């Protein structure tokens, strides 16, 4: 007999994950992947204002068709598990391995950390700003966080709903600063959500050291700039299936994590300066562009004005690129063992 816990307790399963997660409730719920594996986000491209002319036929300037920046998001993570609870073993252990309790244990100890680690690693890799810095000390940590907040400020990212993810080591340094506001100032509700303090208006979320990728000192992310879509949370208990005397637990989790390209400046990763890929160099001679990178990393570029880190029109560089008059080429570099470089650009 199979008891489908996803159907019977779907709300409980979703709640179980959200309560345990340090990331899930701090991401945007603006986009829905229900029924689909891939979505496209279209962001209108605005134009720069010009001086009004009081004569002629184009007093407001030359009309320009409003284009779109298109970001394609495809869910890639599809994980599962299968656990047997032998009836004999369970009886000998005083029935402590109740199937429902084991499902909760599996979710809390394996599923939640797996998804949170993946999400934070993706946010770091796709951050609008990946800043290489020296390892913070108690004398520099607040200045480093202040610089991160300034980047978001200069990009007009809203002050509210900013979350600063730090490990215990970095949190210990922050606690020694005068600017730090502890949980006593934030109240018990904030504590329940995994928040342990506040600095420069950013809510501090302390995570295990394994949650942030190697070389990452902290991550500052605005809630509306990141998403963590969950397509499938499935769990089943099969009681005495063929070949098994006892219960068979099976679960499936289909999810992914993305930074929204149009809001990427709301995500800032402070990483070891040795882990950042060097930005490529673009040389334009007439209408021909060549791109080079001393690190030997892969280079991606666009010629339609979009950010190559998020645009579906990004192409991998292999040879010279022919441009039209006034056309802008943008490029960045990345490799498997380093974080993406900054974006550079040039115009024909």
C-alpha atoms as a PDB file:
ATOM      1  CA  UNK A   1       0.000   0.000   0.000  1.00  0.00           C
ATOM      2  CA  UNK A   2       1.352   3.450  -0.903  1.00  0.00           C
ATOM      3  CA  UNK A   3       0.503   6.555   1.094  1.00  0.00           C
ATOM      4  CA  UNK A   4       1.201   9.657  -0.976  1.00  0.00           C
ATOM      5  CA  UNK A   5       2.339  12.229   1.546  1.00  0.00           C
ATOM      6  CA  UNK A   6       2.658  14.850  -1.163  1.00  0.00           C
ATOM      7  CA  UNK A   7      -1.062  14.694  -1.756  1.00  0.00           C
ATOM      8  CA  UNK A   8      -2.116  14.252   1.879  1.00  0.00           C
ATOM      9  CA  UNK A   9       0.367  16.577   3.538  1.00  0.00           C
ATOM     10  CA  UNK A  10       1.564  18.854   0.727  1.00  0.00           C
ATOM     11  CA  UNK A  11       1.153  22.015   2.798  1.00  0.00           C
ATOM     12  CA  UNK A  12       3.067  20.429   5.684  1.00  0.00           C
ATOM     13  CA  UNK A  13       5.924  19.369   3.404  1.00  0.00           C
ATOM     14  CA  UNK A  14       6.230  22.867   1.923  1.00  0.00           C
ATOM     15  CA  UNK A  15       6.015  24.435   5.371  1.00  0.00           C
ATOM     16  CA  UNK A  16       8.571  21.975   6.721  1.00  0.00           C
ATOM     17  CA  UNK A  17      11.073  23.127   4.112  1.00  0.00           C
ATOM     18  CA  UNK A  18      10.342  26.855   4.454  1.00  0.00           C
ATOM     19  CA  UNK A  19      10.639  26.853   8.242  1.00  0.00           C
ATOM     20  CA  UNK A  20      13.940  24.994   8.154  1.00  0.00           C
ATOM     21  CA  UNK A  21      15.445  26.958   5.274  1.00  0.00           C
ATOM     22  CA  UNK A  22      17.624  30.021   5.885  1.00  0.00           C
ATOM     23  CA  UNK A  23      17.043  31.232   2.322  1.00  0.00           C
ATOM     24  CA  UNK A  24      13.542  30.355   1.074  1.00  0.00           C
ATOM     25  CA  UNK A  25      11.575  33.173   2.729  1.00  0.00           C
ATOM     26  CA  UNK A  26      14.159  35.762   1.666  1.00  0.00           C
ATOM     27  CA  UNK A  27      13.616  35.376  -2.090  1.00  0.00           C
ATOM     28  CA  UNK A  28      11.120  36.785  -4.572  1.00  0.00           C
ATOM     29  CA  UNK A  29       7.911  34.892  -5.323  1.00  0.00           C
ATOM     30  CA  UNK A  30       7.146  37.042  -8.351  1.00  0.00           C
ATOM     31  CA  UNK A  31       7.636  34.336 -11.005  1.00  0.00           C
ATOM     32  CA  UNK A  32       5.845  31.013 -11.235  1.00  0.00           C
ATOM     33  CA  UNK A  33       7.262  27.815 -12.768  1.00  0.00           C
ATOM     34  CA  UNK A  34       4.085  25.796 -12.230  1.00  0.00           C
ATOM     35  CA  UNK A  35       3.520  23.470 -15.180  1.00  0.00           C
ATOM     36  CA  UNK A  36       6.690  24.567 -16.987  1.00  0.00           C
ATOM     37  CA  UNK A  37      10.408  23.864 -16.783  1.00  0.00           C
ATOM     38  CA  UNK A  38      11.577  27.088 -18.436  1.00  0.00           C
ATOM     39  CA  UNK A  39      10.345  30.674 -18.264  1.00  0.00           C
ATOM     40  CA  UNK A  40      11.503  33.818 -20.030  1.00  0.00           C
ATOM     41  CA  UNK A  41      11.668  37.150 -18.258  1.00  0.00           C
ATOM     42  CA  UNK A  42      11.235  40.164 -20.509  1.00  0.00           C
ATOM     43  CA  UNK A  43      12.540  43.472 -19.189  1.00  0.00           C
ATOM     44  CA  UNK A  44      11.798  46.603 -21.264  1.00  0.00           C
ATOM     45  CA  UNK A  45      14.893  48.605 -22.228  1.00  0.00           C
ATOM     46  CA  UNK A  46      14.458  52.275 -21.378  1.00  0.00           C
ATOM     47  CA  UNK A  47      16.232  55.123 -23.204  1.00  0.00           C
ATOM     48  CA  UNK A  48      18.191  58.129 -22.009  1.00  0.00           C
ATOM     49  CA  UNK A  49      16.270  61.459 -22.015  1.00  0.00           C
ATOM     50  CA  UNK A  50      17.465  64.168 -24.437  1.00  0.00           C
ATOM     51  CA  UNK A  51      17.085  67.935 -24.558  1.00  0.00           C
ATOM     52  CA  UNK A  52      13.719  69.088 -25.857  1.00  0.00           C
ATOM     53  CA  UNK A  53      13.947  71.083 -29.108  1.00  0.00           C
ATOM     54  CA  UNK A  54      11.393  73.861 -29.618  1.00  0.00           C
ATOM     55  CA  UNK A  55      11.433  73.661 -33.382  1.00  0.00           C
ATOM     56  CA  UNK A  56      11.485  71.053 -36.113  1.00  0.00           C
ATOM     57  CA  UNK A  57       9.581  67.802 -36.479  1.00  0.00           C
ATOM     58  CA  UNK A  58      11.441  65.744 -33.878  1.00  0.00           C
ATOM     59  CA  UNK A  59      11.132  67.995 -30.857  1.00  0.00           C
ATOM     60  CA  UNK A  60      11.141  65.082 -28.399  1.00  0.00           C
ATOM     61  CA  UNK A  61      14.099  63.415 -30.072  1.00  0.00           C
ATOM     62  CA  UNK A  62      14.371  60.577 -32.552  1.00  0.00           C
ATOM     63  CA  UNK A  63      11.778  57.872 -31.762  1.00  0.00           C
ATOM     64  CA  UNK A  64      13.370  54.578 -30.758  1.00  0.00           C
ATOM     65  CA  UNK A  65      11.561  51.261 -30.627  1.00  0.00           C
ATOM     66  CA  UNK A  66      11.547  49.962 -27.044  1.00  0.00           C
ATOM     67  CA  UNK A  67      13.327  46.646 -26.967  1.00  0.00           C
ATOM     68  CA  UNK A  68      13.480  43.907 -24.359  1.00  0.00           C
ATOM     69  CA  UNK A  69      16.222  42.223 -22.401  1.00  0.00           C
ATOM     70  CA  UNK A  70      15.310  38.542 -22.350  1.00  0.00           C
ATOM     71  CA  UNK A  71      16.546  36.187 -19.626  1.00  0.00           C
ATOM     72  CA  UNK A  72      15.747  32.500 -19.979  1.00  0.00           C
ATOM     73  CA  UNK A  73      15.559  30.487 -16.773  1.00  0.00           C
ATOM     74  CA  UNK A  74      15.547  26.689 -16.893  1.00  0.00           C
ATOM     75  CA  UNK A  75      15.223  24.495 -13.824  1.00  0.00           C
ATOM     76  CA  UNK A  76      18.031  21.951 -13.643  1.00  0.00           C
ATOM     77  CA  UNK A  77      17.999  20.406 -10.156  1.00  0.00           C
ATOM     78  CA  UNK A  78      15.949  17.202  -9.881  1.00  0.00           C
ATOM     79  CA  UNK A  79      16.998  15.240  -6.792  1.00  0.00           C
ATOM     80  CA  UNK A  80      15.478  12.137  -5.185  1.00  0.00           C
ATOM     81  CA  UNK A  81      15.987   9.728  -2.323  1.00  0.00           C
ATOM     82  CA  UNK A  82      14.802   6.270  -1.293  1.00  0.00           C
ATOM     83  CA  UNK A  83      14.909   4.894   2.266  1.00  0.00           C
ATOM     84  CA  UNK A  84      13.825   1.514   3.653  1.00  0.00           C
ATOM     85  CA  UNK A  85      12.520   1.191   7.218  1.00  0.00           C
ATOM     86  CA  UNK A  86      12.650  -2.537   7.884  1.00  0.00           C
ATOM     87  CA  UNK A  87       9.785  -3.719  10.049  1.00  0.00           C
ATOM     88  CA  UNK A  88      12.032  -5.943  12.157  1.00  0.00           C
ATOM     89  CA  UNK A  89      14.576  -3.220  12.820  1.00  0.00           C
ATOM     90  CA  UNK A  90      11.825  -0.755  13.626  1.00  0.00           C
ATOM     91  CA  UNK A  91      10.178  -3.155  16.121  1.00  0.00           C
ATOM     92  CA  UNK A  92      13.510  -3.841  17.818  1.00  0.00           C
ATOM     93  CA  UNK A  93      14.102  -0.087  18.137  1.00  0.00           C
ATOM     94  CA  UNK A  94      10.799   0.508  19.912  1.00  0.00           C
ATOM     95  CA  UNK A  95       9.122   1.852  16.746  1.00  0.00           C
ATOM     96  CA  UNK A  96      11.215   5.032  16.833  1.00  0.00           C
ATOM     97  CA  UNK A  97      11.536   5.032  13.042  1.00  0.00           C
ATOM     98  CA  UNK A  98       8.026   6.246  12.356  1.00  0.00           C
ATOM     99  CA  UNK A  99       7.750   6.975   8.608  1.00  0.00           C
ATOM    100  CA  UNK A 100       6.445  10.522   9.111  1.00  0.00           C
ATOM    101  CA  UNK A 101       9.198  11.346  11.580  1.00  0.00           C
ATOM    102  CA  UNK A 102      11.815   9.938   9.235  1.00  0.00           C
ATOM    103  CA  UNK A 103      10.467  12.080   6.414  1.00  0.00           C
ATOM    104  CA  UNK A 104      10.845  15.153   8.593  1.00  0.00           C
ATOM    105  CA  UNK A 105      14.363  14.075   9.575  1.00  0.00           C
ATOM    106  CA  UNK A 106      15.330  13.536   5.928  1.00  0.00           C
ATOM    107  CA  UNK A 107      13.949  16.957   4.985  1.00  0.00           C
ATOM    108  CA  UNK A 108      15.685  18.824   7.802  1.00  0.00           C
ATOM    109  CA  UNK A 109      19.056  17.075   7.640  1.00  0.00           C
ATOM    110  CA  UNK A 110      19.473  16.534   3.901  1.00  0.00           C
ATOM    111  CA  UNK A 111      16.968  18.329   1.671  1.00  0.00           C
ATOM    112  CA  UNK A 112      16.991  21.765   3.303  1.00  0.00           C
ATOM    113  CA  UNK A 113      20.806  22.072   3.500  1.00  0.00           C
ATOM    114  CA  UNK A 114      21.140  20.763  -0.072  1.00  0.00           C
ATOM    115  CA  UNK A 115      18.790  23.393  -1.494  1.00  0.00           C
ATOM    116  CA  UNK A 116      20.130  26.269   0.627  1.00  0.00           C
ATOM    117  CA  UNK A 117      23.742  25.521  -0.304  1.00  0.00           C
ATOM    118  CA  UNK A 118      22.852  25.330  -3.968  1.00  0.00           C
ATOM    119  CA  UNK A 119      20.862  28.569  -3.859  1.00  0.00           C
ATOM    120  CA  UNK A 120      23.613  30.559  -2.145  1.00  0.00           C
ATOM    121  CA  UNK A 121      26.260  29.166  -4.500  1.00  0.00           C
ATOM    122  CA  UNK A 122      24.162  30.258  -7.498  1.00  0.00           C
ATOM    123  CA  UNK A 123      23.574  33.731  -6.073  1.00  0.00           C
ATOM    124  CA  UNK A 124      27.314  34.163  -5.545  1.00  0.00           C
ATOM    125  CA  UNK A 125      28.134  32.911  -9.030  1.00  0.00           C
ATOM    126  CA  UNK A 126      25.504  35.127 -10.695  1.00  0.00           C
ATOM    127  CA  UNK A 127      25.901  38.227  -8.509  1.00  0.00           C
ATOM    128  CA  UNK A 128      25.755  41.555 -10.281  1.00  0.00           C
ATOM    129  CA  UNK A 129      28.890  42.538  -8.364  1.00  0.00           C
ATOM    130  CA  UNK A 130      31.595  40.024  -7.511  1.00  0.00           C
ATOM    131  CA  UNK A 131      34.165  42.001  -5.550  1.00  0.00           C
ATOM    132  CA  UNK A 132      37.603  40.552  -4.851  1.00  0.00           C
ATOM    133  CA  UNK A 133      38.823  41.652  -1.419  1.00  0.00           C
ATOM    134  CA  UNK A 134      41.353  40.652   1.211  1.00  0.00           C
ATOM    135  CA  UNK A 135      39.992  38.448   3.967  1.00  0.00           C
ATOM    136  CA  UNK A 136      38.096  40.704   6.388  1.00  0.00           C
ATOM    137  CA  UNK A 137      39.346  41.297   9.916  1.00  0.00           C
ATOM    138  CA  UNK A 138      37.594  42.842  12.900  1.00  0.00           C
ATOM    139  CA  UNK A 139      39.134  46.140  11.807  1.00  0.00           C
ATOM    140  CA  UNK A 140      37.890  45.939   8.196  1.00  0.00           C
ATOM    141  CA  UNK A 141      34.693  43.860   8.152  1.00  0.00           C
ATOM    142  CA  UNK A 142      32.316  46.797   8.694  1.00  0.00           C
ATOM    143  CA  UNK A 143      34.013  48.873   6.005  1.00  0.00           C
ATOM    144  CA  UNK A 144      33.756  45.927   3.614  1.00  0.00           C
ATOM    145  CA  UNK A 145      30.038  45.561   4.310  1.00  0.00           C
ATOM    146  CA  UNK A 146      29.632  49.327   4.023  1.00  0.00           C
ATOM    147  CA  UNK A 147      31.194  49.224   0.561  1.00  0.00           C
ATOM    148  CA  UNK A 148      28.746  46.482  -0.438  1.00  0.00           C
ATOM    149  CA  UNK A 149      25.797  48.524   0.806  1.00  0.00           C
ATOM    150  CA  UNK A 150      27.085  51.571  -1.078  1.00  0.00           C
ATOM    151  CA  UNK A 151      27.131  49.581  -4.335  1.00  0.00           C
ATOM    152  CA  UNK A 152      23.468  48.723  -3.808  1.00  0.00           C
ATOM    153  CA  UNK A 153      22.702  52.315  -2.813  1.00  0.00           C
ATOM    154  CA  UNK A 154      24.338  53.709  -5.951  1.00  0.00           C
ATOM    155  CA  UNK A 155      22.287  51.263  -8.043  1.00  0.00           C
ATOM    156  CA  UNK A 156      19.085  52.569  -6.364  1.00  0.00           C
ATOM    157  CA  UNK A 157      18.336  49.180  -4.803  1.00  0.00           C
ATOM    158  CA  UNK A 158      15.636  49.599  -2.097  1.00  0.00           C
ATOM    159  CA  UNK A 159      16.896  49.780   1.467  1.00  0.00           C
ATOM    160  CA  UNK A 160      14.405  47.298   2.881  1.00  0.00           C
ATOM    161  CA  UNK A 161      14.594  43.522   2.382  1.00  0.00           C
ATOM    162  CA  UNK A 162      18.384  43.393   2.146  1.00  0.00           C
ATOM    163  CA  UNK A 163      19.920  40.229   3.608  1.00  0.00           C
ATOM    164  CA  UNK A 164      23.559  39.724   4.524  1.00  0.00           C
ATOM    165  CA  UNK A 165      24.586  36.042   4.555  1.00  0.00           C
ATOM    166  CA  UNK A 166      27.672  35.389   6.679  1.00  0.00           C
ATOM    167  CA  UNK A 167      29.389  32.430   8.296  1.00  0.00           C
ATOM    168  CA  UNK A 168      30.007  32.192  12.007  1.00  0.00           C
ATOM    169  CA  UNK A 169      33.565  33.440  11.507  1.00  0.00           C
ATOM    170  CA  UNK A 170      32.461  36.667   9.801  1.00  0.00           C
ATOM    171  CA  UNK A 171      29.581  37.107  12.248  1.00  0.00           C
ATOM    172  CA  UNK A 172      32.022  36.987  15.143  1.00  0.00           C
ATOM    173  CA  UNK A 173      33.962  39.860  13.578  1.00  0.00           C
ATOM    174  CA  UNK A 174      30.777  41.879  13.009  1.00  0.00           C
ATOM    175  CA  UNK A 175      29.687  41.479  16.631  1.00  0.00           C
ATOM    176  CA  UNK A 176      32.757  43.392  17.769  1.00  0.00           C
ATOM    177  CA  UNK A 177      31.727  46.530  15.909  1.00  0.00           C
ATOM    178  CA  UNK A 178      29.790  49.502  17.253  1.00  0.00           C
ATOM    179  CA  UNK A 179      27.548  49.534  14.165  1.00  0.00           C
ATOM    180  CA  UNK A 180      26.145  46.081  14.881  1.00  0.00           C
ATOM    181  CA  UNK A 181      22.594  45.807  16.238  1.00  0.00           C
ATOM    182  CA  UNK A 182      21.899  42.470  17.904  1.00  0.00           C
ATOM    183  CA  UNK A 183      18.717  40.445  17.916  1.00  0.00           C
ATOM    184  CA  UNK A 184      17.602  42.222  21.091  1.00  0.00           C
ATOM    185  CA  UNK A 185      16.954  45.298  18.945  1.00  0.00           C
ATOM    186  CA  UNK A 186      15.172  43.328  16.211  1.00  0.00           C
ATOM    187  CA  UNK A 187      12.822  41.263  18.353  1.00  0.00           C
ATOM    188  CA  UNK A 188      11.928  37.598  18.597  1.00  0.00           C
ATOM    189  CA  UNK A 189      10.145  37.516  15.229  1.00  0.00           C
ATOM    190  CA  UNK A 190      13.386  38.300  13.425  1.00  0.00           C
ATOM    191  CA  UNK A 191      15.184  35.597  15.371  1.00  0.00           C
ATOM    192  CA  UNK A 192      12.586  33.036  14.293  1.00  0.00           C
ATOM    193  CA  UNK A 193      13.412  33.781  10.667  1.00  0.00           C
ATOM    194  CA  UNK A 194      17.110  33.024  11.154  1.00  0.00           C
ATOM    195  CA  UNK A 195      18.144  36.672  11.420  1.00  0.00           C
ATOM    196  CA  UNK A 196      20.722  37.391  14.118  1.00  0.00           C
ATOM    197  CA  UNK A 197      21.344  41.098  13.728  1.00  0.00           C
ATOM    198  CA  UNK A 198      21.435  44.206  11.583  1.00  0.00           C
ATOM    199  CA  UNK A 199      24.194  46.312  10.078  1.00  0.00           C
ATOM    200  CA  UNK A 200      23.624  49.340   7.822  1.00  0.00           C
ATOM    201  CA  UNK A 201      19.995  48.257   7.502  1.00  0.00           C
ATOM    202  CA  UNK A 202      20.864  44.807   6.141  1.00  0.00           C
ATOM    203  CA  UNK A 203      19.486  41.885   8.141  1.00  0.00           C
ATOM    204  CA  UNK A 204      22.273  39.456   9.060  1.00  0.00           C
ATOM    205  CA  UNK A 205      21.625  35.785   8.368  1.00  0.00           C
ATOM    206  CA  UNK A 206      24.213  33.485   9.953  1.00  0.00           C
ATOM    207  CA  UNK A 207      24.702  30.292   7.952  1.00  0.00           C
ATOM    208  CA  UNK A 208      26.968  27.255   8.437  1.00  0.00           C
ATOM    209  CA  UNK A 209      30.404  27.685   6.896  1.00  0.00           C
ATOM    210  CA  UNK A 210      29.598  24.995   4.312  1.00  0.00           C
ATOM    211  CA  UNK A 211      26.647  26.996   2.964  1.00  0.00           C
ATOM    212  CA  UNK A 212      28.778  29.639   1.234  1.00  0.00           C
ATOM    213  CA  UNK A 213      31.144  28.577  -1.575  1.00  0.00           C
ATOM    214  CA  UNK A 214      34.853  28.398  -0.860  1.00  0.00           C
ATOM    215  CA  UNK A 215      36.433  31.828  -1.025  1.00  0.00           C
ATOM    216  CA  UNK A 216      33.199  33.746  -0.336  1.00  0.00           C
ATOM    217  CA  UNK A 217      33.323  36.000   2.730  1.00  0.00           C
ATOM    218  CA  UNK A 218      29.754  37.276   2.607  1.00  0.00           C
ATOM    219  CA  UNK A 219      26.793  37.703   0.288  1.00  0.00           C
ATOM    220  CA  UNK A 220      24.483  40.727   0.286  1.00  0.00           C
ATOM    221  CA  UNK A 221      21.240  40.145  -1.610  1.00  0.00           C
ATOM    222  CA  UNK A 222      17.988  42.027  -1.991  1.00  0.00           C
ATOM    223  CA  UNK A 223      14.931  39.795  -1.776  1.00  0.00           C
ATOM    224  CA  UNK A 224      13.491  40.910  -5.126  1.00  0.00           C
ATOM    225  CA  UNK A 225      16.738  40.203  -7.010  1.00  0.00           C
ATOM    226  CA  UNK A 226      16.869  36.452  -6.322  1.00  0.00           C
ATOM    227  CA  UNK A 227      14.425  33.588  -6.759  1.00  0.00           C
ATOM    228  CA  UNK A 228      14.284  30.004  -5.527  1.00  0.00           C
ATOM    229  CA  UNK A 229      11.549  28.262  -7.530  1.00  0.00           C
ATOM    230  CA  UNK A 230      10.347  24.862  -6.347  1.00  0.00           C
ATOM    231  CA  UNK A 231       8.454  22.833  -8.924  1.00  0.00           C
ATOM    232  CA  UNK A 232       8.098  19.467  -7.172  1.00  0.00           C
ATOM    233  CA  UNK A 233       8.093  18.554  -3.466  1.00  0.00           C
ATOM    234  CA  UNK A 234       7.056  14.935  -3.574  1.00  0.00           C
ATOM    235  CA  UNK A 235       7.165  12.295  -0.844  1.00  0.00           C
ATOM    236  CA  UNK A 236       5.623   8.827  -0.686  1.00  0.00           C
ATOM    237  CA  UNK A 237       5.506   6.061   1.885  1.00  0.00           C
ATOM    238  CA  UNK A 238       5.025   2.540   0.523  1.00  0.00           C
ATOM    239  CA  UNK A 239       3.941   0.118   3.229  1.00  0.00           C
ATOM    240  CA  UNK A 240       5.124  -3.485   2.659  1.00  0.00           C
ATOM    241  CA  UNK A 241       5.874  -3.113  -1.059  1.00  0.00           C
ATOM    242  CA  UNK A 242       6.964  -6.272  -2.957  1.00  0.00           C
ATOM    243  CA  UNK A 243      10.290  -7.541  -1.629  1.00  0.00           C
ATOM    244  CA  UNK A 244      10.283  -5.364   1.514  1.00  0.00           C
ATOM    245  CA  UNK A 245       8.880  -6.054   4.949  1.00  0.00           C
ATOM    246  CA  UNK A 246       8.348  -2.562   6.259  1.00  0.00           C
ATOM    247  CA  UNK A 247       8.130   0.910   4.800  1.00  0.00           C
ATOM    248  CA  UNK A 248       9.774   2.404   1.721  1.00  0.00           C
ATOM    249  CA  UNK A 249      10.197   6.199   1.754  1.00  0.00           C
ATOM    250  CA  UNK A 250      10.677   7.935  -1.593  1.00  0.00           C
ATOM    251  CA  UNK A 251      11.054  11.641  -2.233  1.00  0.00           C
ATOM    252  CA  UNK A 252      11.730  13.989  -5.107  1.00  0.00           C
ATOM    253  CA  UNK A 253      12.731  17.669  -5.169  1.00  0.00           C
ATOM    254  CA  UNK A 254      12.781  19.695  -8.393  1.00  0.00           C
ATOM    255  CA  UNK A 255      14.090  23.225  -7.853  1.00  0.00           C
ATOM    256  CA  UNK A 256      16.619  25.845  -8.935  1.00  0.00           C
ATOM    257  CA  UNK A 257      17.973  29.277  -8.027  1.00  0.00           C
ATOM    258  CA  UNK A 258      18.515  32.391 -10.153  1.00  0.00           C
ATOM    259  CA  UNK A 259      19.548  36.034 -10.017  1.00  0.00           C
ATOM    260  CA  UNK A 260      17.215  38.260 -12.029  1.00  0.00           C
ATOM    261  CA  UNK A 261      19.427  39.986 -14.602  1.00  0.00           C
ATOM    262  CA  UNK A 262      17.481  43.243 -14.597  1.00  0.00           C
ATOM    263  CA  UNK A 263      17.955  43.428 -10.804  1.00  0.00           C
ATOM    264  CA  UNK A 264      21.427  41.929 -10.577  1.00  0.00           C
ATOM    265  CA  UNK A 265      22.907  44.996  -8.880  1.00  0.00           C
ATOM    266  CA  UNK A 266      20.908  43.945  -5.856  1.00  0.00           C
ATOM    267  CA  UNK A 267      23.313  41.024  -5.330  1.00  0.00           C
ATOM    268  CA  UNK A 268      26.890  41.558  -4.111  1.00  0.00           C
ATOM    269  CA  UNK A 269      29.380  38.787  -3.349  1.00  0.00           C
ATOM    270  CA  UNK A 270      32.582  39.581  -1.457  1.00  0.00           C
ATOM    271  CA  UNK A 271      35.115  36.905  -2.342  1.00  0.00           C
ATOM    272  CA  UNK A 272      38.821  36.250  -2.121  1.00  0.00           C
ATOM    273  CA  UNK A 273      40.574  38.427  -4.684  1.00  0.00           C
ATOM    274  CA  UNK A 274      42.408  35.322  -5.901  1.00  0.00           C
ATOM    275  CA  UNK A 275      39.110  33.699  -6.901  1.00  0.00           C
ATOM    276  CA  UNK A 276      37.868  36.395  -9.284  1.00  0.00           C
ATOM    277  CA  UNK A 277      38.457  35.982 -13.024  1.00  0.00           C
ATOM    278  CA  UNK A 278      40.280  38.877 -14.627  1.00  0.00           C
ATOM    279  CA  UNK A 279      38.040  41.003 -16.829  1.00  0.00           C
ATOM    280  CA  UNK A 280      38.694  40.575 -20.564  1.00  0.00           C
ATOM    281  CA  UNK A 281      40.085  43.307 -22.776  1.00  0.00           C
ATOM    282  CA  UNK A 282      38.159  44.474 -25.838  1.00  0.00           C
ATOM    283  CA  UNK A 283      40.027  46.105 -28.726  1.00  0.00           C
ATOM    284  CA  UNK A 284      38.007  47.733 -31.506  1.00  0.00           C
ATOM    285  CA  UNK A 285      39.733  48.568 -34.771  1.00  0.00           C
ATOM    286  CA  UNK A 286      37.268  50.210 -37.123  1.00  0.00           C
ATOM    287  CA  UNK A 287      34.297  47.883 -36.999  1.00  0.00           C
ATOM    288  CA  UNK A 288      36.174  44.759 -35.893  1.00  0.00           C
ATOM    289  CA  UNK A 289      36.394  43.775 -32.219  1.00  0.00           C
ATOM    290  CA  UNK A 290      38.813  41.313 -30.657  1.00  0.00           C
ATOM    291  CA  UNK A 291      38.542  40.101 -27.055  1.00  0.00           C
ATOM    292  CA  UNK A 292      41.329  38.633 -24.953  1.00  0.00           C
ATOM    293  CA  UNK A 293      41.802  37.411 -21.399  1.00  0.00           C
ATOM    294  CA  UNK A 294      45.097  36.607 -19.693  1.00  0.00           C
ATOM    295  CA  UNK A 295      43.509  33.957 -17.454  1.00  0.00           C
ATOM    296  CA  UNK A 296      42.590  31.842 -20.466  1.00  0.00           C
ATOM    297  CA  UNK A 297      38.988  31.723 -19.230  1.00  0.00           C
ATOM    298  CA  UNK A 298      35.961  31.386 -21.489  1.00  0.00           C
ATOM    299  CA  UNK A 299      34.625  34.702 -22.780  1.00  0.00           C
ATOM    300  CA  UNK A 300      30.984  35.495 -23.529  1.00  0.00           C
ATOM    301  CA  UNK A 301      29.710  38.610 -25.277  1.00  0.00           C
ATOM    302  CA  UNK A 302      26.655  40.433 -26.624  1.00  0.00           C
ATOM    303  CA  UNK A 303      26.272  43.145 -29.247  1.00  0.00           C
ATOM    304  CA  UNK A 304      22.650  44.132 -28.517  1.00  0.00           C
ATOM    305  CA  UNK A 305      23.336  46.171 -25.390  1.00  0.00           C
ATOM    306  CA  UNK A 306      22.313  43.416 -22.959  1.00  0.00           C
ATOM    307  CA  UNK A 307      24.375  42.072 -20.075  1.00  0.00           C
ATOM    308  CA  UNK A 308      26.075  38.888 -21.365  1.00  0.00           C
ATOM    309  CA  UNK A 309      25.914  37.287 -17.905  1.00  0.00           C
ATOM    310  CA  UNK A 310      22.133  36.975 -18.126  1.00  0.00           C
ATOM    311  CA  UNK A 311      21.128  37.555 -21.756  1.00  0.00           C
ATOM    312  CA  UNK A 312      19.835  34.685 -23.892  1.00  0.00           C
ATOM    313  CA  UNK A 313      21.665  36.339 -26.795  1.00  0.00           C
ATOM    314  CA  UNK A 314      25.120  35.903 -25.226  1.00  0.00           C
ATOM    315  CA  UNK A 315      27.593  34.051 -27.414  1.00  0.00           C
ATOM    316  CA  UNK A 316      30.875  32.341 -26.585  1.00  0.00           C
ATOM    317  CA  UNK A 317      33.789  34.229 -28.106  1.00  0.00           C
ATOM    318  CA  UNK A 318      35.918  32.338 -30.596  1.00  0.00           C
ATOM    319  CA  UNK A 319      37.032  34.843 -33.243  1.00  0.00           C
ATOM    320  CA  UNK A 320      36.786  38.506 -34.225  1.00  0.00           C
ATOM    321  CA  UNK A 321      33.364  40.156 -34.054  1.00  0.00           C
ATOM    322  CA  UNK A 322      32.157  42.498 -36.771  1.00  0.00           C
ATOM    323  CA  UNK A 323      30.221  45.510 -35.477  1.00  0.00           C
ATOM    324  CA  UNK A 324      28.065  48.220 -36.981  1.00  0.00           C
ATOM    325  CA  UNK A 325      28.667  51.934 -36.459  1.00  0.00           C
ATOM    326  CA  UNK A 326      27.759  52.895 -32.898  1.00  0.00           C
ATOM    327  CA  UNK A 327      27.184  49.293 -31.809  1.00  0.00           C
ATOM    328  CA  UNK A 328      28.282  48.376 -28.286  1.00  0.00           C
ATOM    329  CA  UNK A 329      29.931  45.055 -27.482  1.00  0.00           C
ATOM    330  CA  UNK A 330      29.901  43.794 -23.898  1.00  0.00           C
ATOM    331  CA  UNK A 331      31.898  40.851 -22.574  1.00  0.00           C
ATOM    332  CA  UNK A 332      32.861  38.971 -19.416  1.00  0.00           C
ATOM    333  CA  UNK A 333      35.030  35.962 -18.622  1.00  0.00           C
ATOM    334  CA  UNK A 334      34.500  32.940 -16.406  1.00  0.00           C
ATOM    335  CA  UNK A 335      36.045  29.556 -15.633  1.00  0.00           C
ATOM    336  CA  UNK A 336      35.022  26.509 -13.656  1.00  0.00           C
ATOM    337  CA  UNK A 337      37.150  27.257 -10.588  1.00  0.00           C
ATOM    338  CA  UNK A 338      36.796  31.053 -10.330  1.00  0.00           C
ATOM    339  CA  UNK A 339      33.999  33.578 -10.101  1.00  0.00           C
ATOM    340  CA  UNK A 340      32.881  35.543 -13.151  1.00  0.00           C
ATOM    341  CA  UNK A 341      34.714  38.725 -14.053  1.00  0.00           C
ATOM    342  CA  UNK A 342      33.247  42.185 -14.285  1.00  0.00           C
ATOM    343  CA  UNK A 343      31.614  43.165 -17.571  1.00  0.00           C
ATOM    344  CA  UNK A 344      33.625  45.361 -19.918  1.00  0.00           C
ATOM    345  CA  UNK A 345      32.386  47.113 -23.047  1.00  0.00           C
ATOM    346  CA  UNK A 346      33.515  49.032 -26.112  1.00  0.00           C
ATOM    347  CA  UNK A 347      31.819  50.855 -28.973  1.00  0.00           C
ATOM    348  CA  UNK A 348      32.499  50.796 -32.701  1.00  0.00           C
END
